[in-house]
Amino acid sequence: MTTPARFNAPAGGGDEMKFGTRKPRSRPPARMRRSPPAIEIIVESPLWNAQRGVKGVLRRAILEAASMVPARGGELAVVLTDDRTIRTLNRDWRAKDAATNVLSFPAGEPPAAGGSPCLLGDIVIAYETTEREARAEHKPFVHHLAHLAVHGFLHLAGHDHESDDEADAMEQLEIAILARLDVPDPYVRQQLTSNA
C-alpha cells in the first residue's frame, strides 16, 4: 500500500510551546523503546492562526502519550479544522449531526512490511468548539488542546470509553500523561460542577 504524501512530513517542528518544567521520568529499557510516531499537522482552517504555538503543543502531547502506551511507531496526521467541517465528519461517520471537539479515525492497518512505518490514523480537532470549551472551563487554550490531542491519540492506540470501566481507565491514563506535560487534571472541574 502506498502511503499518502501528507503522511511523509518530518516529525520535528519549529513551533515549540513550553508548559513548565518537566518532571524527571525513567526511560523504558532498551528492548522496550520504540520509535516515536511521525506527526503531520495540517491546518485547514485559518481560525487556528489566532493561537500561537499549537503545532508544538500537539507534537509534545502526542509524543508524551505515545511514550506511555504500548503502541508502535508509525505515522499520523492531525487536522486542525472548524466546527462546520467536523460537524460534517461527525454526521457522516458517527451519525451525530453536531459539532464536536475532536474525532479520531484509527487506520487499523497491520504493521507495515519491510520496516516502513504503519499508518496510525488521523485526529481532527475543531477550533471553535475547542476555544469555547476552554473559555467555559476557565482553562488555557493550550491545556485543553493538549488534552484533546492526548485523547485523540489514545483512540488511535486502541483505547476507548464505551463502558464505565474503559472510560475510567482512559481518563486515568490521560491525567497521568497530562501531568507529565504540567497540565492540570482536566476532569477535576467537571467533577466539582457535576457534584454541585
C-alpha atoms as a PDB file:
ATOM      1  CA  MET A   1       0.000   0.000   0.000  1.00  0.00           C
ATOM      2  CA  THR A   2       1.319   3.440  -0.866  1.00  0.00           C
ATOM      3  CA  THR A   3       1.438   5.990   1.928  1.00  0.00           C
ATOM      4  CA  PRO A   4      -0.333   9.249   1.056  1.00  0.00           C
ATOM      5  CA  ALA A   5       2.050  12.175   0.626  1.00  0.00           C
ATOM      6  CA  ARG A   6       0.541  14.072   3.559  1.00  0.00           C
ATOM      7  CA  PHE A   7       1.967  11.468   5.944  1.00  0.00           C
ATOM      8  CA  ASN A   8       5.566  11.949   4.834  1.00  0.00           C
ATOM      9  CA  ALA A   9       6.286  15.123   6.830  1.00  0.00           C
ATOM     10  CA  PRO A  10       9.208  15.051   9.237  1.00  0.00           C
ATOM     11  CA  ALA A  11       8.358  14.575  12.909  1.00  0.00           C
ATOM     12  CA  GLY A  12      10.220  17.723  14.011  1.00  0.00           C
ATOM     13  CA  GLY A  13       8.770  21.192  14.058  1.00  0.00           C
ATOM     14  CA  GLY A  14       9.565  24.748  14.880  1.00  0.00           C
ATOM     15  CA  ASP A  15       6.528  25.757  16.944  1.00  0.00           C
ATOM     16  CA  GLU A  16       7.557  24.925  20.490  1.00  0.00           C
ATOM     17  CA  MET A  17       5.301  25.639  23.466  1.00  0.00           C
ATOM     18  CA  LYS A  18       6.590  25.304  26.986  1.00  0.00           C
ATOM     19  CA  PHE A  19       4.158  24.088  29.647  1.00  0.00           C
ATOM     20  CA  GLY A  20       6.586  24.436  32.545  1.00  0.00           C
ATOM     21  CA  THR A  21       9.427  22.469  33.985  1.00  0.00           C
ATOM     22  CA  ARG A  22       9.357  18.876  33.006  1.00  0.00           C
ATOM     23  CA  LYS A  23       9.222  16.199  35.669  1.00  0.00           C
ATOM     24  CA  PRO A  24      12.046  13.643  35.505  1.00  0.00           C
ATOM     25  CA  ARG A  25      11.000  10.251  34.215  1.00  0.00           C
ATOM     26  CA  SER A  26      12.650   6.974  33.646  1.00  0.00           C
ATOM     27  CA  ARG A  27      13.165   5.660  30.147  1.00  0.00           C
ATOM     28  CA  PRO A  28      11.900   2.247  29.168  1.00  0.00           C
ATOM     29  CA  PRO A  29      14.579  -0.457  28.885  1.00  0.00           C
ATOM     30  CA  ALA A  30      16.363  -0.516  25.520  1.00  0.00           C
ATOM     31  CA  ARG A  31      14.422  -3.554  24.325  1.00  0.00           C
ATOM     32  CA  MET A  32      11.104  -1.791  25.014  1.00  0.00           C
ATOM     33  CA  ARG A  33      11.962   1.553  23.428  1.00  0.00           C
ATOM     34  CA  ARG A  34      10.016   2.284  20.303  1.00  0.00           C
ATOM     35  CA  SER A  35      10.404   4.948  17.741  1.00  0.00           C
ATOM     36  CA  PRO A  36       8.064   7.898  18.188  1.00  0.00           C
ATOM     37  CA  PRO A  37       5.293   8.378  15.665  1.00  0.00           C
ATOM     38  CA  ALA A  38       5.802  10.752  12.751  1.00  0.00           C
ATOM     39  CA  ILE A  39       3.259  13.543  13.096  1.00  0.00           C
ATOM     40  CA  GLU A  40       1.988  15.726  10.298  1.00  0.00           C
ATOM     41  CA  ILE A  41      -0.119  18.716  11.284  1.00  0.00           C
ATOM     42  CA  ILE A  42      -2.452  20.088   8.639  1.00  0.00           C
ATOM     43  CA  VAL A  43      -4.067  23.477   9.291  1.00  0.00           C
ATOM     44  CA  GLU A  44      -7.289  23.508   7.269  1.00  0.00           C
ATOM     45  CA  SER A  45      -8.965  26.468   8.950  1.00  0.00           C
ATOM     46  CA  PRO A  46      -7.463  29.962   9.218  1.00  0.00           C
ATOM     47  CA  LEU A  47      -9.162  30.279  12.635  1.00  0.00           C
ATOM     48  CA  TRP A  48      -6.191  28.375  14.086  1.00  0.00           C
ATOM     49  CA  ASN A  49      -3.932  31.344  13.227  1.00  0.00           C
ATOM     50  CA  ALA A  50      -5.386  33.118  16.306  1.00  0.00           C
ATOM     51  CA  GLN A  51      -3.360  30.779  18.545  1.00  0.00           C
ATOM     52  CA  ARG A  52       0.431  30.679  18.573  1.00  0.00           C
ATOM     53  CA  GLY A  53       2.467  27.528  19.103  1.00  0.00           C
ATOM     54  CA  VAL A  54      -0.290  24.977  18.537  1.00  0.00           C
ATOM     55  CA  LYS A  55       1.920  22.680  16.455  1.00  0.00           C
ATOM     56  CA  GLY A  56       4.456  22.394  19.246  1.00  0.00           C
ATOM     57  CA  VAL A  57       1.714  21.738  21.800  1.00  0.00           C
ATOM     58  CA  LEU A  58       0.237  18.994  19.627  1.00  0.00           C
ATOM     59  CA  ARG A  59       3.583  17.318  18.940  1.00  0.00           C
ATOM     60  CA  ARG A  60       4.642  17.340  22.563  1.00  0.00           C
ATOM     61  CA  ALA A  61       1.272  15.996  23.792  1.00  0.00           C
ATOM     62  CA  ILE A  62       1.183  13.186  21.226  1.00  0.00           C
ATOM     63  CA  LEU A  63       4.814  12.192  21.777  1.00  0.00           C
ATOM     64  CA  GLU A  64       4.252  12.068  25.545  1.00  0.00           C
ATOM     65  CA  ALA A  65       1.119   9.945  25.073  1.00  0.00           C
ATOM     66  CA  ALA A  66       2.992   7.642  22.681  1.00  0.00           C
ATOM     67  CA  SER A  67       5.715   7.138  25.289  1.00  0.00           C
ATOM     68  CA  MET A  68       3.169   5.832  27.798  1.00  0.00           C
ATOM     69  CA  VAL A  69       1.227   3.300  25.738  1.00  0.00           C
ATOM     70  CA  PRO A  70       2.351   0.065  24.127  1.00  0.00           C
ATOM     71  CA  ALA A  71       1.761   1.476  20.661  1.00  0.00           C
ATOM     72  CA  ARG A  72       4.214   1.012  17.851  1.00  0.00           C
ATOM     73  CA  GLY A  73       5.740   3.938  15.981  1.00  0.00           C
ATOM     74  CA  GLY A  74       4.069   4.866  12.760  1.00  0.00           C
ATOM     75  CA  GLU A  75       2.561   7.898  11.144  1.00  0.00           C
ATOM     76  CA  LEU A  76      -0.443  10.017  11.973  1.00  0.00           C
ATOM     77  CA  ALA A  77      -1.968  13.279  10.885  1.00  0.00           C
ATOM     78  CA  VAL A  78      -3.616  15.955  12.996  1.00  0.00           C
ATOM     79  CA  VAL A  79      -6.082  18.061  11.030  1.00  0.00           C
ATOM     80  CA  LEU A  80      -6.941  21.443  12.528  1.00  0.00           C
ATOM     81  CA  THR A  81     -10.320  22.444  11.178  1.00  0.00           C
ATOM     82  CA  ASP A  82     -13.519  24.276  12.099  1.00  0.00           C
ATOM     83  CA  ASP A  83     -16.934  23.368  13.505  1.00  0.00           C
ATOM     84  CA  ARG A  84     -18.602  23.162  10.100  1.00  0.00           C
ATOM     85  CA  THR A  85     -16.144  20.565   8.814  1.00  0.00           C
ATOM     86  CA  ILE A  86     -16.082  18.480  11.993  1.00  0.00           C
ATOM     87  CA  ARG A  87     -19.896  18.520  12.114  1.00  0.00           C
ATOM     88  CA  THR A  88     -19.958  17.048   8.604  1.00  0.00           C
ATOM     89  CA  LEU A  89     -17.444  14.365   9.595  1.00  0.00           C
ATOM     90  CA  ASN A  90     -19.361  13.599  12.791  1.00  0.00           C
ATOM     91  CA  ARG A  91     -22.609  13.288  10.819  1.00  0.00           C
ATOM     92  CA  ASP A  92     -21.119  11.146   8.050  1.00  0.00           C
ATOM     93  CA  TRP A  93     -19.020   8.801  10.230  1.00  0.00           C
ATOM     94  CA  ARG A  94     -20.878   8.699  13.552  1.00  0.00           C
ATOM     95  CA  ALA A  95     -24.447   9.664  12.580  1.00  0.00           C
ATOM     96  CA  LYS A  96     -24.304  12.615  15.013  1.00  0.00           C
ATOM     97  CA  ASP A  97     -25.286  15.873  13.339  1.00  0.00           C
ATOM     98  CA  ALA A  98     -23.426  18.195  15.691  1.00  0.00           C
ATOM     99  CA  ALA A  99     -20.001  19.745  16.013  1.00  0.00           C
ATOM    100  CA  THR A 100     -17.612  18.133  18.484  1.00  0.00           C
ATOM    101  CA  ASN A 101     -14.153  18.977  19.769  1.00  0.00           C
ATOM    102  CA  VAL A 102     -12.112  16.009  18.490  1.00  0.00           C
ATOM    103  CA  LEU A 103     -12.600  12.977  16.271  1.00  0.00           C
ATOM    104  CA  SER A 104     -10.168  10.111  15.784  1.00  0.00           C
ATOM    105  CA  PHE A 105     -10.015   7.869  12.757  1.00  0.00           C
ATOM    106  CA  PRO A 106      -7.779   4.853  13.506  1.00  0.00           C
ATOM    107  CA  ALA A 107      -6.297   3.379  10.337  1.00  0.00           C
ATOM    108  CA  GLY A 108      -6.457  -0.164  11.638  1.00  0.00           C
ATOM    109  CA  GLU A 109      -3.531  -1.166   9.444  1.00  0.00           C
ATOM    110  CA  PRO A 110      -1.315  -4.093  10.389  1.00  0.00           C
ATOM    111  CA  PRO A 111       2.389  -3.288  10.841  1.00  0.00           C
ATOM    112  CA  ALA A 112       3.978  -2.427   7.511  1.00  0.00           C
ATOM    113  CA  ALA A 113       6.282  -4.937   5.877  1.00  0.00           C
ATOM    114  CA  GLY A 114       9.937  -4.174   5.268  1.00  0.00           C
ATOM    115  CA  GLY A 115      10.279  -1.851   8.231  1.00  0.00           C
ATOM    116  CA  SER A 116       8.288   1.025   6.739  1.00  0.00           C
ATOM    117  CA  PRO A 117       6.087   2.835   9.265  1.00  0.00           C
ATOM    118  CA  CYS A 118       2.449   1.875   9.588  1.00  0.00           C
ATOM    119  CA  LEU A 119      -0.365   4.358   9.352  1.00  0.00           C
ATOM    120  CA  LEU A 120      -1.899   5.003  12.805  1.00  0.00           C
ATOM    121  CA  GLY A 121      -4.735   7.243  11.613  1.00  0.00           C
ATOM    122  CA  ASP A 122      -5.985  10.810  11.797  1.00  0.00           C
ATOM    123  CA  ILE A 123      -7.020  13.135  14.606  1.00  0.00           C
ATOM    124  CA  VAL A 124      -9.332  16.022  13.673  1.00  0.00           C
ATOM    125  CA  ILE A 125      -9.811  18.977  16.047  1.00  0.00           C
ATOM    126  CA  ALA A 126     -12.326  21.826  15.627  1.00  0.00           C
ATOM    127  CA  TYR A 127     -11.194  25.310  16.600  1.00  0.00           C
ATOM    128  CA  GLU A 128     -14.464  26.937  17.690  1.00  0.00           C
ATOM    129  CA  THR A 129     -15.547  24.080  19.958  1.00  0.00           C
ATOM    130  CA  THR A 130     -12.075  23.775  21.487  1.00  0.00           C
ATOM    131  CA  GLU A 131     -11.872  27.516  22.139  1.00  0.00           C
ATOM    132  CA  ARG A 132     -15.435  27.694  23.521  1.00  0.00           C
ATOM    133  CA  GLU A 133     -14.860  24.749  25.889  1.00  0.00           C
ATOM    134  CA  ALA A 134     -11.539  26.147  27.145  1.00  0.00           C
ATOM    135  CA  ARG A 135     -13.158  29.512  27.846  1.00  0.00           C
ATOM    136  CA  ALA A 136     -16.196  27.934  29.558  1.00  0.00           C
ATOM    137  CA  GLU A 137     -13.949  25.763  31.746  1.00  0.00           C
ATOM    138  CA  HIS A 138     -11.591  28.677  32.564  1.00  0.00           C
ATOM    139  CA  LYS A 139      -8.509  26.847  31.361  1.00  0.00           C
ATOM    140  CA  PRO A 140      -5.747  27.893  28.989  1.00  0.00           C
ATOM    141  CA  PHE A 141      -6.466  27.040  25.366  1.00  0.00           C
ATOM    142  CA  VAL A 142      -3.161  25.141  25.058  1.00  0.00           C
ATOM    143  CA  HIS A 143      -4.029  22.934  28.047  1.00  0.00           C
ATOM    144  CA  HIS A 144      -7.369  21.981  26.528  1.00  0.00           C
ATOM    145  CA  LEU A 145      -5.722  21.423  23.150  1.00  0.00           C
ATOM    146  CA  ALA A 146      -3.100  19.141  24.728  1.00  0.00           C
ATOM    147  CA  HIS A 147      -5.889  17.157  26.403  1.00  0.00           C
ATOM    148  CA  LEU A 148      -7.762  16.721  23.112  1.00  0.00           C
ATOM    149  CA  ALA A 149      -4.567  15.629  21.335  1.00  0.00           C
ATOM    150  CA  VAL A 150      -3.832  13.048  24.047  1.00  0.00           C
ATOM    151  CA  HIS A 151      -7.441  11.834  23.979  1.00  0.00           C
ATOM    152  CA  GLY A 152      -7.391  11.536  20.190  1.00  0.00           C
ATOM    153  CA  PHE A 153      -4.062   9.693  20.185  1.00  0.00           C
ATOM    154  CA  LEU A 154      -5.259   7.211  22.794  1.00  0.00           C
ATOM    155  CA  HIS A 155      -8.144   6.321  20.476  1.00  0.00           C
ATOM    156  CA  LEU A 156      -5.635   5.683  17.676  1.00  0.00           C
ATOM    157  CA  ALA A 157      -3.710   3.448  20.100  1.00  0.00           C
ATOM    158  CA  GLY A 158      -6.824   1.349  20.749  1.00  0.00           C
ATOM    159  CA  HIS A 159      -8.278   2.915  23.897  1.00  0.00           C
ATOM    160  CA  ASP A 160     -11.979   3.671  24.167  1.00  0.00           C
ATOM    161  CA  HIS A 161     -14.620   4.874  26.620  1.00  0.00           C
ATOM    162  CA  GLU A 162     -17.680   2.857  25.648  1.00  0.00           C
ATOM    163  CA  SER A 163     -18.071   1.307  29.120  1.00  0.00           C
ATOM    164  CA  ASP A 164     -17.609   2.946  32.522  1.00  0.00           C
ATOM    165  CA  ASP A 165     -14.515   0.819  33.204  1.00  0.00           C
ATOM    166  CA  GLU A 166     -12.956   1.770  29.853  1.00  0.00           C
ATOM    167  CA  ALA A 167     -13.785   5.442  30.447  1.00  0.00           C
ATOM    168  CA  ASP A 168     -12.228   5.374  33.930  1.00  0.00           C
ATOM    169  CA  ALA A 169      -9.061   3.686  32.653  1.00  0.00           C
ATOM    170  CA  MET A 170      -8.744   6.116  29.735  1.00  0.00           C
ATOM    171  CA  GLU A 171      -9.308   9.146  31.983  1.00  0.00           C
ATOM    172  CA  GLN A 172      -6.633   7.966  34.435  1.00  0.00           C
ATOM    173  CA  LEU A 173      -4.161   7.483  31.580  1.00  0.00           C
ATOM    174  CA  GLU A 174      -4.976  10.949  30.196  1.00  0.00           C
ATOM    175  CA  ILE A 175      -4.471  12.500  33.653  1.00  0.00           C
ATOM    176  CA  ALA A 176      -1.071  10.771  34.006  1.00  0.00           C
ATOM    177  CA  ILE A 177       0.089  11.875  30.545  1.00  0.00           C
ATOM    178  CA  LEU A 178      -1.101  15.448  31.045  1.00  0.00           C
ATOM    179  CA  ALA A 179       0.625  15.624  34.442  1.00  0.00           C
ATOM    180  CA  ARG A 180       3.903  14.910  32.650  1.00  0.00           C
ATOM    181  CA  LEU A 181       3.128  17.945  30.475  1.00  0.00           C
ATOM    182  CA  ASP A 182       2.353  20.075  33.552  1.00  0.00           C
ATOM    183  CA  VAL A 183      -1.307  20.274  32.520  1.00  0.00           C
ATOM    184  CA  PRO A 184      -3.712  20.057  35.485  1.00  0.00           C
ATOM    185  CA  ASP A 185      -6.254  17.242  35.728  1.00  0.00           C
ATOM    186  CA  PRO A 186      -8.920  18.222  33.159  1.00  0.00           C
ATOM    187  CA  TYR A 187     -11.620  16.239  34.962  1.00  0.00           C
ATOM    188  CA  VAL A 188     -11.401  17.967  38.365  1.00  0.00           C
ATOM    189  CA  ARG A 189     -13.552  20.978  37.429  1.00  0.00           C
ATOM    190  CA  GLN A 190     -16.084  18.756  35.661  1.00  0.00           C
ATOM    191  CA  GLN A 191     -16.387  16.548  38.750  1.00  0.00           C
ATOM    192  CA  LEU A 192     -16.821  19.563  41.041  1.00  0.00           C
ATOM    193  CA  THR A 193     -19.550  21.108  38.875  1.00  0.00           C
ATOM    194  CA  SER A 194     -21.374  17.804  38.380  1.00  0.00           C
ATOM    195  CA  ASN A 195     -21.416  17.229  42.173  1.00  0.00           C
ATOM    196  CA  ALA A 196     -22.794  20.704  42.895  1.00  0.00           C
END
